[in-house]
């Protein structure tokens, strides 16, 4: 008896393919699947935008927003190992970039201790999160989406990259906040 095997074909958006779909509109352009650049006349920007959107729509992609969310390399229960030694060890893996992404950590459950808006328009956020052992870690996000501005006492999961902040002669380990749920 023959059995049919159903295979799902995964289609992923390619920035380079989107640029190629607008070859007749642009002056020059190129790139790869994850990034591309173009040169075009200012008056053709709307045409280019429309063509790229048509290309995207033609792919009929589903759940693309899931690809934009960071994926944790390590899930942690607490902040006990988030220290300068960890940041130094991660730095040994540099340079980070395409093909060697900077590691992302996720704490599954933390409590918001404080929220501070920063920047001229309040567009940045500094959160202090507390783990299950009452250890706190500050998390910083520049140009943060509104959902990063949480209330004190909220329980959250946080995706972040540990960094060392040096300011006014003081060094501290904090997290570069990538996503909050």
N, C-alpha and C. Protein backbone atom coordinates (compact mmCIF):
# COMPACT_ATOMS: atom_id res chain seq x y z
N UNK A 1 0.84 -1.17 0.00
CA UNK A 1 0.00 0.00 0.00
C UNK A 1 0.89 1.24 0.00
N UNK A 2 0.58 2.15 -0.89
CA UNK A 2 1.33 3.40 -0.95
C UNK A 2 0.69 4.42 -0.02
N UNK A 3 1.55 5.14 0.68
CA UNK A 3 1.05 6.20 1.56
C UNK A 3 1.50 7.54 1.01
N UNK A 4 0.61 8.49 1.10
CA UNK A 4 0.97 9.84 0.69
C UNK A 4 1.56 10.58 1.88
N UNK A 5 2.62 11.25 1.62
CA UNK A 5 3.24 12.07 2.65
C UNK A 5 2.98 13.53 2.28
N UNK A 6 2.37 14.22 3.20
CA UNK A 6 2.07 15.63 2.96
C UNK A 6 3.20 16.47 3.55
N UNK A 7 3.79 17.25 2.73
CA UNK A 7 4.87 18.11 3.19
C UNK A 7 4.46 19.56 3.04
N UNK A 8 4.72 20.30 4.09
CA UNK A 8 4.44 21.73 4.01
C UNK A 8 5.65 22.44 3.46
N UNK A 9 5.42 23.31 2.53
CA UNK A 9 6.49 24.10 1.97
C UNK A 9 6.53 25.42 2.73
N UNK A 10 7.69 25.73 3.23
CA UNK A 10 7.85 26.96 4.00
C UNK A 10 8.36 28.06 3.08
N UNK A 11 7.62 29.13 2.97
CA UNK A 11 8.03 30.27 2.17
C UNK A 11 8.42 31.38 3.12
N UNK A 12 9.58 31.94 2.86
CA UNK A 12 10.09 33.02 3.70
C UNK A 12 10.29 34.25 2.83
N UNK A 13 9.95 35.39 3.38
CA UNK A 13 10.13 36.65 2.67
C UNK A 13 11.61 36.94 2.47
N UNK A 14 12.00 37.32 1.28
CA UNK A 14 13.37 37.69 0.96
C UNK A 14 13.40 39.15 0.54
N UNK A 15 14.17 39.94 1.25
CA UNK A 15 14.29 41.37 0.92
C UNK A 15 14.89 41.54 -0.48
N UNK A 16 15.87 40.71 -0.84
CA UNK A 16 16.49 40.81 -2.15
C UNK A 16 15.48 40.50 -3.26
N UNK A 17 14.64 39.49 -3.06
CA UNK A 17 13.62 39.16 -4.06
C UNK A 17 12.60 40.29 -4.19
N UNK A 18 12.28 40.93 -3.08
CA UNK A 18 11.34 42.06 -3.13
C UNK A 18 11.93 43.21 -3.95
N UNK A 19 13.22 43.46 -3.79
CA UNK A 19 13.88 44.51 -4.57
C UNK A 19 13.87 44.14 -6.05
N UNK A 20 14.17 42.86 -6.35
CA UNK A 20 14.16 42.42 -7.75
C UNK A 20 12.78 42.55 -8.38
N UNK A 21 11.73 42.44 -7.58
CA UNK A 21 10.37 42.59 -8.10
C UNK A 21 10.09 44.02 -8.53
N UNK A 22 10.95 44.94 -8.13
CA UNK A 22 10.78 46.35 -8.49
C UNK A 22 11.94 46.86 -9.35
N UNK A 23 12.61 45.96 -10.07
CA UNK A 23 13.77 46.33 -10.88
C UNK A 23 13.51 47.48 -11.84
N UNK A 24 12.30 47.54 -12.39
CA UNK A 24 11.99 48.58 -13.37
C UNK A 24 11.76 49.95 -12.71
N UNK A 25 11.66 49.99 -11.40
CA UNK A 25 11.39 51.23 -10.67
C UNK A 25 12.66 51.82 -10.07
N UNK A 26 13.59 50.96 -9.68
CA UNK A 26 14.78 51.42 -8.97
C UNK A 26 15.92 51.76 -9.93
N UNK A 27 16.85 52.58 -9.44
CA UNK A 27 18.06 52.89 -10.20
C UNK A 27 19.07 51.78 -10.02
N UNK A 28 19.26 51.36 -8.77
CA UNK A 28 20.10 50.20 -8.49
C UNK A 28 19.68 49.64 -7.14
N UNK A 29 20.06 48.39 -6.90
CA UNK A 29 19.71 47.77 -5.63
C UNK A 29 20.17 46.35 -5.57
N UNK A 30 20.12 45.81 -4.37
CA UNK A 30 20.53 44.43 -4.18
C UNK A 30 20.57 44.10 -2.71
N UNK A 31 21.02 42.91 -2.42
CA UNK A 31 21.11 42.49 -1.03
C UNK A 31 20.99 40.98 -0.93
N UNK A 32 20.49 40.54 0.19
CA UNK A 32 20.28 39.11 0.43
C UNK A 32 18.93 38.94 1.11
N UNK A 33 18.61 37.74 1.51
CA UNK A 33 17.30 37.45 2.07
C UNK A 33 16.91 38.30 3.25
N UNK A 34 17.88 38.64 4.11
CA UNK A 34 17.56 39.35 5.34
C UNK A 34 17.68 40.86 5.23
N UNK A 35 18.37 41.37 4.21
CA UNK A 35 18.55 42.82 4.11
C UNK A 35 18.84 43.20 2.66
N UNK A 36 18.40 44.39 2.31
CA UNK A 36 18.63 44.88 0.96
C UNK A 36 18.63 46.39 0.98
N UNK A 37 19.17 46.96 -0.08
CA UNK A 37 19.19 48.41 -0.21
C UNK A 37 18.86 48.80 -1.63
N UNK A 38 18.35 50.01 -1.78
CA UNK A 38 17.99 50.49 -3.12
C UNK A 38 18.34 51.96 -3.27
N UNK A 39 18.52 52.34 -4.51
CA UNK A 39 18.62 53.74 -4.91
C UNK A 39 17.50 53.95 -5.92
N UNK A 40 16.69 54.99 -5.68
CA UNK A 40 15.61 55.28 -6.61
C UNK A 40 15.27 56.76 -6.53
N UNK A 41 14.62 57.25 -7.56
CA UNK A 41 14.19 58.64 -7.58
C UNK A 41 13.13 58.87 -6.52
N UNK A 42 13.20 60.02 -5.88
CA UNK A 42 12.27 60.35 -4.80
C UNK A 42 10.82 60.19 -5.24
N UNK A 43 10.51 60.60 -6.44
CA UNK A 43 9.13 60.53 -6.91
C UNK A 43 8.67 59.10 -7.16
N UNK A 44 9.56 58.12 -7.11
CA UNK A 44 9.20 56.71 -7.31
C UNK A 44 9.04 55.94 -5.99
N UNK A 45 9.22 56.61 -4.85
CA UNK A 45 9.14 55.92 -3.56
C UNK A 45 7.78 55.24 -3.37
N UNK A 46 6.70 55.95 -3.66
CA UNK A 46 5.37 55.35 -3.50
C UNK A 46 5.17 54.15 -4.42
N UNK A 47 5.69 54.24 -5.67
CA UNK A 47 5.60 53.11 -6.60
C UNK A 47 6.38 51.92 -6.06
N UNK A 48 7.58 52.20 -5.54
CA UNK A 48 8.42 51.14 -4.98
C UNK A 48 7.72 50.47 -3.80
N UNK A 49 7.19 51.28 -2.90
CA UNK A 49 6.48 50.75 -1.73
C UNK A 49 5.32 49.87 -2.16
N UNK A 50 4.56 50.33 -3.13
CA UNK A 50 3.41 49.57 -3.62
C UNK A 50 3.88 48.24 -4.24
N UNK A 51 4.94 48.27 -5.02
CA UNK A 51 5.43 47.05 -5.68
C UNK A 51 5.94 46.03 -4.65
N UNK A 52 6.68 46.49 -3.66
CA UNK A 52 7.18 45.58 -2.62
C UNK A 52 6.02 44.98 -1.83
N UNK A 53 5.02 45.80 -1.51
CA UNK A 53 3.84 45.28 -0.80
C UNK A 53 3.08 44.27 -1.65
N UNK A 54 2.98 44.50 -2.96
CA UNK A 54 2.33 43.54 -3.85
C UNK A 54 3.11 42.22 -3.88
N UNK A 55 4.44 42.34 -3.93
CA UNK A 55 5.28 41.14 -3.90
C UNK A 55 5.04 40.36 -2.61
N UNK A 56 5.04 41.06 -1.49
CA UNK A 56 4.81 40.43 -0.19
C UNK A 56 3.44 39.74 -0.18
N UNK A 57 2.40 40.46 -0.60
CA UNK A 57 1.05 39.89 -0.62
C UNK A 57 0.96 38.65 -1.51
N UNK A 58 1.71 38.64 -2.61
CA UNK A 58 1.66 37.50 -3.54
C UNK A 58 2.20 36.22 -2.91
N UNK A 59 3.03 36.35 -1.90
CA UNK A 59 3.60 35.17 -1.24
C UNK A 59 2.60 34.50 -0.30
N UNK A 60 1.56 35.22 0.09
CA UNK A 60 0.52 34.72 1.00
C UNK A 60 1.14 34.07 2.24
N UNK A 61 2.04 34.77 2.85
CA UNK A 61 2.72 34.27 4.05
C UNK A 61 1.80 34.37 5.26
N UNK A 62 1.96 33.42 6.15
CA UNK A 62 1.15 33.37 7.37
C UNK A 62 2.05 33.53 8.59
N UNK A 63 1.53 34.16 9.62
CA UNK A 63 2.20 34.28 10.92
C UNK A 63 3.62 34.84 10.83
N UNK A 64 3.85 35.80 9.97
CA UNK A 64 5.17 36.36 9.81
C UNK A 64 5.68 37.09 11.06
N UNK A 65 4.75 37.60 11.85
CA UNK A 65 5.18 38.32 13.05
C UNK A 65 5.96 37.41 13.99
N UNK A 66 5.74 36.10 13.92
CA UNK A 66 6.48 35.17 14.76
C UNK A 66 7.97 35.18 14.43
N UNK A 67 8.31 35.46 13.16
CA UNK A 67 9.71 35.51 12.76
C UNK A 67 10.41 36.75 13.29
N UNK A 68 9.65 37.75 13.67
CA UNK A 68 10.23 38.99 14.18
C UNK A 68 10.56 38.91 15.67
N UNK A 69 9.97 37.94 16.35
CA UNK A 69 10.22 37.81 17.78
C UNK A 69 11.58 37.15 18.01
N UNK A 70 12.31 37.63 19.01
CA UNK A 70 13.61 37.01 19.29
C UNK A 70 13.43 35.58 19.79
N UNK A 71 14.39 34.75 19.50
CA UNK A 71 14.39 33.36 19.97
C UNK A 71 15.49 33.23 21.02
N UNK A 72 15.10 32.72 22.16
CA UNK A 72 16.05 32.59 23.25
C UNK A 72 17.03 31.45 22.99
N UNK A 73 18.30 31.74 23.21
CA UNK A 73 19.31 30.69 23.15
C UNK A 73 19.38 29.94 24.46
N UNK A 74 19.07 30.66 25.55
CA UNK A 74 19.11 30.07 26.89
C UNK A 74 17.94 30.63 27.69
N UNK A 75 17.20 29.75 28.36
CA UNK A 75 16.16 30.19 29.29
C UNK A 75 16.71 30.05 30.70
N UNK A 76 16.50 31.11 31.49
CA UNK A 76 17.02 31.11 32.86
C UNK A 76 15.87 31.26 33.85
N UNK A 77 16.09 30.76 35.05
CA UNK A 77 15.09 30.87 36.11
C UNK A 77 15.32 32.08 36.99
N UNK A 78 16.57 32.55 37.01
CA UNK A 78 16.92 33.69 37.86
C UNK A 78 18.12 34.42 37.26
N UNK A 79 18.49 35.53 37.89
CA UNK A 79 19.59 36.36 37.40
C UNK A 79 20.94 36.01 38.03
N UNK A 80 21.03 34.89 38.75
CA UNK A 80 22.23 34.58 39.54
C UNK A 80 23.52 34.51 38.72
N UNK A 81 23.44 34.16 37.44
CA UNK A 81 24.65 34.04 36.63
C UNK A 81 24.83 35.20 35.66
N UNK A 82 24.00 36.22 35.80
CA UNK A 82 24.12 37.39 34.92
C UNK A 82 25.09 38.36 35.60
N UNK A 83 26.35 38.29 35.14
CA UNK A 83 27.40 39.10 35.76
C UNK A 83 28.43 39.48 34.70
N UNK A 84 29.47 40.22 35.12
CA UNK A 84 30.49 40.67 34.17
C UNK A 84 31.24 39.51 33.55
N UNK A 85 31.44 38.45 34.29
CA UNK A 85 32.14 37.28 33.75
C UNK A 85 31.36 36.70 32.57
N UNK A 86 30.05 36.62 32.70
CA UNK A 86 29.21 36.12 31.61
C UNK A 86 29.33 37.05 30.40
N UNK A 87 29.24 38.36 30.62
CA UNK A 87 29.35 39.32 29.52
C UNK A 87 30.71 39.18 28.84
N UNK A 88 31.78 39.03 29.62
CA UNK A 88 33.13 38.85 29.05
C UNK A 88 33.21 37.55 28.24
N UNK A 89 32.61 36.48 28.75
CA UNK A 89 32.63 35.21 28.01
C UNK A 89 31.83 35.30 26.71
N UNK A 90 30.71 36.00 26.74
CA UNK A 90 29.93 36.18 25.52
C UNK A 90 30.71 37.00 24.50
N UNK A 91 31.46 37.99 24.97
CA UNK A 91 32.24 38.84 24.07
C UNK A 91 33.30 38.04 23.31
N UNK A 92 33.73 36.93 23.86
CA UNK A 92 34.72 36.08 23.18
C UNK A 92 34.14 35.43 21.93
N UNK A 93 32.83 35.45 21.80
CA UNK A 93 32.17 34.87 20.63
C UNK A 93 32.03 35.88 19.49
N UNK A 94 32.42 37.12 19.72
CA UNK A 94 32.31 38.16 18.69
C UNK A 94 33.25 37.84 17.53
N UNK A 95 33.04 38.43 16.34
CA UNK A 95 32.05 39.47 16.05
C UNK A 95 30.67 38.85 15.79
N UNK A 96 29.65 39.57 16.25
CA UNK A 96 28.29 39.15 16.03
C UNK A 96 27.77 39.76 14.74
N UNK A 97 26.89 39.06 14.10
CA UNK A 97 26.30 39.54 12.85
C UNK A 97 25.63 38.38 12.14
N UNK A 98 25.41 38.54 10.85
CA UNK A 98 24.74 37.52 10.06
C UNK A 98 25.55 36.22 10.13
N UNK A 99 24.93 35.14 10.59
CA UNK A 99 25.60 33.87 10.73
C UNK A 99 26.19 33.64 12.11
N UNK A 100 26.28 34.68 12.91
CA UNK A 100 26.77 34.55 14.29
C UNK A 100 26.02 35.55 15.15
N UNK A 101 24.78 35.23 15.42
CA UNK A 101 23.92 36.15 16.17
C UNK A 101 24.36 36.23 17.63
N UNK A 102 24.20 37.43 18.20
CA UNK A 102 24.51 37.62 19.61
C UNK A 102 23.50 36.81 20.44
N UNK A 103 23.99 36.05 21.42
CA UNK A 103 23.09 35.20 22.21
C UNK A 103 21.99 36.00 22.92
N UNK A 104 20.82 35.38 22.99
CA UNK A 104 19.65 35.97 23.64
C UNK A 104 19.26 35.08 24.81
N UNK A 105 19.05 35.72 25.96
CA UNK A 105 18.60 35.01 27.15
C UNK A 105 17.14 35.35 27.40
N UNK A 106 16.45 34.44 28.05
CA UNK A 106 15.05 34.68 28.41
C UNK A 106 14.86 34.27 29.86
N UNK A 107 14.33 35.21 30.63
CA UNK A 107 13.88 34.85 31.97
C UNK A 107 12.38 34.67 31.86
N UNK A 108 11.91 33.51 32.26
CA UNK A 108 10.51 33.15 32.06
C UNK A 108 9.57 33.89 32.99
N UNK A 109 10.04 34.17 34.21
CA UNK A 109 9.14 34.84 35.16
C UNK A 109 9.94 35.83 36.00
N UNK A 110 9.56 37.10 35.86
CA UNK A 110 10.17 38.17 36.65
C UNK A 110 9.08 39.18 36.98
N UNK A 111 9.32 39.97 38.01
CA UNK A 111 8.35 40.97 38.45
C UNK A 111 8.93 42.36 38.19
N UNK A 112 8.11 43.25 37.66
CA UNK A 112 8.54 44.62 37.41
C UNK A 112 8.59 45.37 38.74
N UNK A 113 9.80 45.85 39.08
CA UNK A 113 9.99 46.63 40.31
C UNK A 113 9.86 48.12 40.06
N UNK A 114 10.36 48.57 38.89
CA UNK A 114 10.27 50.00 38.56
C UNK A 114 10.26 50.18 37.06
N UNK A 115 9.68 51.30 36.65
CA UNK A 115 9.60 51.68 35.24
C UNK A 115 10.00 53.13 35.13
N UNK A 116 10.95 53.43 34.25
CA UNK A 116 11.38 54.81 34.08
C UNK A 116 11.44 55.15 32.60
N UNK A 117 10.66 56.14 32.20
CA UNK A 117 10.72 56.64 30.83
C UNK A 117 11.93 57.56 30.72
N UNK A 118 12.62 57.46 29.59
CA UNK A 118 13.79 58.30 29.36
C UNK A 118 13.74 58.85 27.95
N UNK A 119 14.58 59.84 27.68
CA UNK A 119 14.63 60.45 26.36
C UNK A 119 13.74 61.67 26.30
N UNK A 120 14.01 62.52 25.32
CA UNK A 120 13.28 63.78 25.18
C UNK A 120 11.78 63.57 25.06
N UNK A 121 11.38 62.49 24.40
CA UNK A 121 9.95 62.21 24.21
C UNK A 121 9.49 61.02 25.03
N UNK A 122 10.29 60.57 25.98
CA UNK A 122 9.92 59.41 26.79
C UNK A 122 9.88 58.13 25.98
N UNK A 123 10.68 58.07 24.92
CA UNK A 123 10.62 56.93 24.00
C UNK A 123 11.48 55.74 24.44
N UNK A 124 12.34 55.93 25.44
CA UNK A 124 13.17 54.85 25.94
C UNK A 124 12.63 54.40 27.30
N UNK A 125 12.92 53.16 27.67
CA UNK A 125 12.45 52.66 28.96
C UNK A 125 13.57 51.93 29.69
N UNK A 126 13.62 52.15 30.99
CA UNK A 126 14.49 51.37 31.86
C UNK A 126 13.60 50.70 32.89
N UNK A 127 13.58 49.37 32.84
CA UNK A 127 12.81 48.57 33.78
C UNK A 127 13.76 47.91 34.77
N UNK A 128 13.34 47.80 35.99
CA UNK A 128 14.05 46.96 36.94
C UNK A 128 13.17 45.75 37.16
N UNK A 129 13.74 44.57 36.88
CA UNK A 129 13.03 43.32 37.05
C UNK A 129 13.62 42.55 38.22
N UNK A 130 12.77 41.85 38.95
CA UNK A 130 13.18 41.04 40.09
C UNK A 130 12.87 39.58 39.79
N UNK A 131 13.84 38.71 40.07
CA UNK A 131 13.63 37.29 39.84
C UNK A 131 13.02 36.64 41.08
N UNK A 132 12.86 35.33 41.05
CA UNK A 132 12.23 34.59 42.15
C UNK A 132 13.04 34.63 43.44
N UNK A 133 14.35 34.97 43.34
CA UNK A 133 15.21 35.03 44.52
C UNK A 133 15.42 36.46 45.00
N UNK A 134 14.58 37.38 44.54
CA UNK A 134 14.66 38.81 44.89
C UNK A 134 15.92 39.49 44.36
N UNK A 135 16.55 38.93 43.34
CA UNK A 135 17.69 39.58 42.69
C UNK A 135 17.13 40.45 41.57
N UNK A 136 17.60 41.70 41.52
CA UNK A 136 17.10 42.65 40.53
C UNK A 136 18.11 42.88 39.42
N UNK A 137 17.60 43.13 38.22
CA UNK A 137 18.44 43.47 37.07
C UNK A 137 17.71 44.55 36.27
N UNK A 138 18.48 45.59 35.91
CA UNK A 138 17.89 46.64 35.09
C UNK A 138 17.92 46.23 33.63
N UNK A 139 16.85 46.57 32.93
CA UNK A 139 16.72 46.28 31.50
C UNK A 139 16.45 47.60 30.79
N UNK A 140 17.11 47.79 29.66
CA UNK A 140 16.99 49.05 28.93
C UNK A 140 16.58 48.76 27.49
N UNK A 141 15.64 49.56 26.98
CA UNK A 141 15.24 49.45 25.58
C UNK A 141 15.13 50.86 25.01
N UNK A 142 15.85 51.11 23.93
CA UNK A 142 15.76 52.39 23.23
C UNK A 142 14.63 52.32 22.21
N UNK A 143 13.93 53.42 22.05
CA UNK A 143 12.78 53.47 21.14
C UNK A 143 11.85 52.29 21.37
N UNK A 144 11.50 52.12 22.61
CA UNK A 144 10.73 50.95 23.04
C UNK A 144 9.28 51.02 22.56
N UNK A 145 8.74 49.86 22.16
CA UNK A 145 7.31 49.83 21.84
C UNK A 145 6.50 50.04 23.12
N UNK A 146 5.29 50.49 22.97
CA UNK A 146 4.46 50.86 24.13
C UNK A 146 4.25 49.69 25.09
N UNK A 147 4.23 48.46 24.58
CA UNK A 147 4.00 47.32 25.47
C UNK A 147 5.17 47.05 26.43
N UNK A 148 6.31 47.71 26.22
CA UNK A 148 7.44 47.59 27.16
C UNK A 148 7.23 48.44 28.40
N UNK A 149 6.33 49.40 28.35
CA UNK A 149 6.07 50.28 29.48
C UNK A 149 5.03 49.61 30.37
N UNK A 150 5.49 48.79 31.28
CA UNK A 150 4.63 47.99 32.14
C UNK A 150 4.36 48.69 33.45
N UNK A 151 3.52 48.08 34.24
CA UNK A 151 3.18 48.58 35.57
C UNK A 151 4.03 47.87 36.62
N UNK A 152 4.37 48.57 37.68
CA UNK A 152 5.07 47.96 38.80
C UNK A 152 4.20 46.81 39.32
N UNK A 153 4.83 45.66 39.55
CA UNK A 153 4.10 44.49 40.03
C UNK A 153 3.72 43.51 38.94
N UNK A 154 3.79 43.93 37.67
CA UNK A 154 3.46 43.02 36.56
C UNK A 154 4.43 41.83 36.53
N UNK A 155 3.91 40.65 36.24
CA UNK A 155 4.74 39.46 36.02
C UNK A 155 5.02 39.40 34.52
N UNK A 156 6.29 39.24 34.15
CA UNK A 156 6.67 39.25 32.74
C UNK A 156 7.68 38.16 32.43
N UNK A 157 7.79 37.86 31.15
CA UNK A 157 8.91 37.11 30.60
C UNK A 157 9.70 38.12 29.79
N UNK A 158 11.03 38.06 29.87
CA UNK A 158 11.86 39.05 29.18
C UNK A 158 12.95 38.36 28.37
N UNK A 159 13.11 38.77 27.12
CA UNK A 159 14.18 38.34 26.26
C UNK A 159 15.20 39.47 26.24
N UNK A 160 16.46 39.18 26.50
CA UNK A 160 17.45 40.25 26.62
C UNK A 160 18.85 39.74 26.31
N UNK A 161 19.75 40.71 26.13
CA UNK A 161 21.17 40.44 25.97
C UNK A 161 21.90 41.16 27.09
N UNK A 162 22.69 40.44 27.88
CA UNK A 162 23.40 41.09 28.98
C UNK A 162 24.53 41.98 28.47
N UNK A 163 24.67 43.13 29.08
CA UNK A 163 25.72 44.09 28.72
C UNK A 163 26.28 44.71 29.99
N UNK A 164 27.42 45.37 29.83
CA UNK A 164 27.99 46.14 30.94
C UNK A 164 27.76 47.61 30.63
N UNK A 165 27.17 48.31 31.57
CA UNK A 165 26.94 49.74 31.45
C UNK A 165 28.00 50.46 32.27
N UNK A 166 28.72 51.36 31.63
CA UNK A 166 29.71 52.17 32.33
C UNK A 166 29.24 53.61 32.28
N UNK A 167 29.02 54.21 33.45
CA UNK A 167 28.53 55.59 33.50
C UNK A 167 29.06 56.25 34.75
N UNK A 168 29.68 57.38 34.57
CA UNK A 168 30.25 58.17 35.67
C UNK A 168 31.17 57.32 36.55
N UNK A 169 32.01 56.52 35.90
CA UNK A 169 32.98 55.71 36.62
C UNK A 169 32.42 54.46 37.28
N UNK A 170 31.15 54.22 37.16
CA UNK A 170 30.52 53.04 37.76
C UNK A 170 30.21 52.02 36.66
N UNK A 171 30.42 50.76 36.97
CA UNK A 171 30.11 49.67 36.04
C UNK A 171 28.99 48.82 36.64
N UNK A 172 28.03 48.46 35.80
CA UNK A 172 26.97 47.57 36.25
C UNK A 172 26.51 46.71 35.08
N UNK A 173 26.05 45.53 35.39
CA UNK A 173 25.51 44.64 34.37
C UNK A 173 24.02 44.91 34.26
N UNK A 174 23.56 45.04 33.03
CA UNK A 174 22.14 45.24 32.77
C UNK A 174 21.78 44.45 31.53
N UNK A 175 20.52 44.46 31.18
CA UNK A 175 20.07 43.76 30.00
C UNK A 175 19.60 44.71 28.92
N UNK A 176 19.94 44.41 27.68
CA UNK A 176 19.39 45.13 26.54
C UNK A 176 18.09 44.41 26.20
N UNK A 177 16.97 45.04 26.54
CA UNK A 177 15.66 44.41 26.43
C UNK A 177 15.24 44.30 24.97
N UNK A 178 14.91 43.08 24.54
CA UNK A 178 14.52 42.82 23.15
C UNK A 178 13.03 42.56 23.01
N UNK A 179 12.45 41.91 24.01
CA UNK A 179 11.02 41.57 23.94
C UNK A 179 10.51 41.32 25.35
N UNK A 180 9.24 41.62 25.53
CA UNK A 180 8.60 41.46 26.84
C UNK A 180 7.23 40.86 26.61
N UNK A 181 6.88 39.85 27.40
CA UNK A 181 5.55 39.24 27.26
C UNK A 181 4.97 39.02 28.64
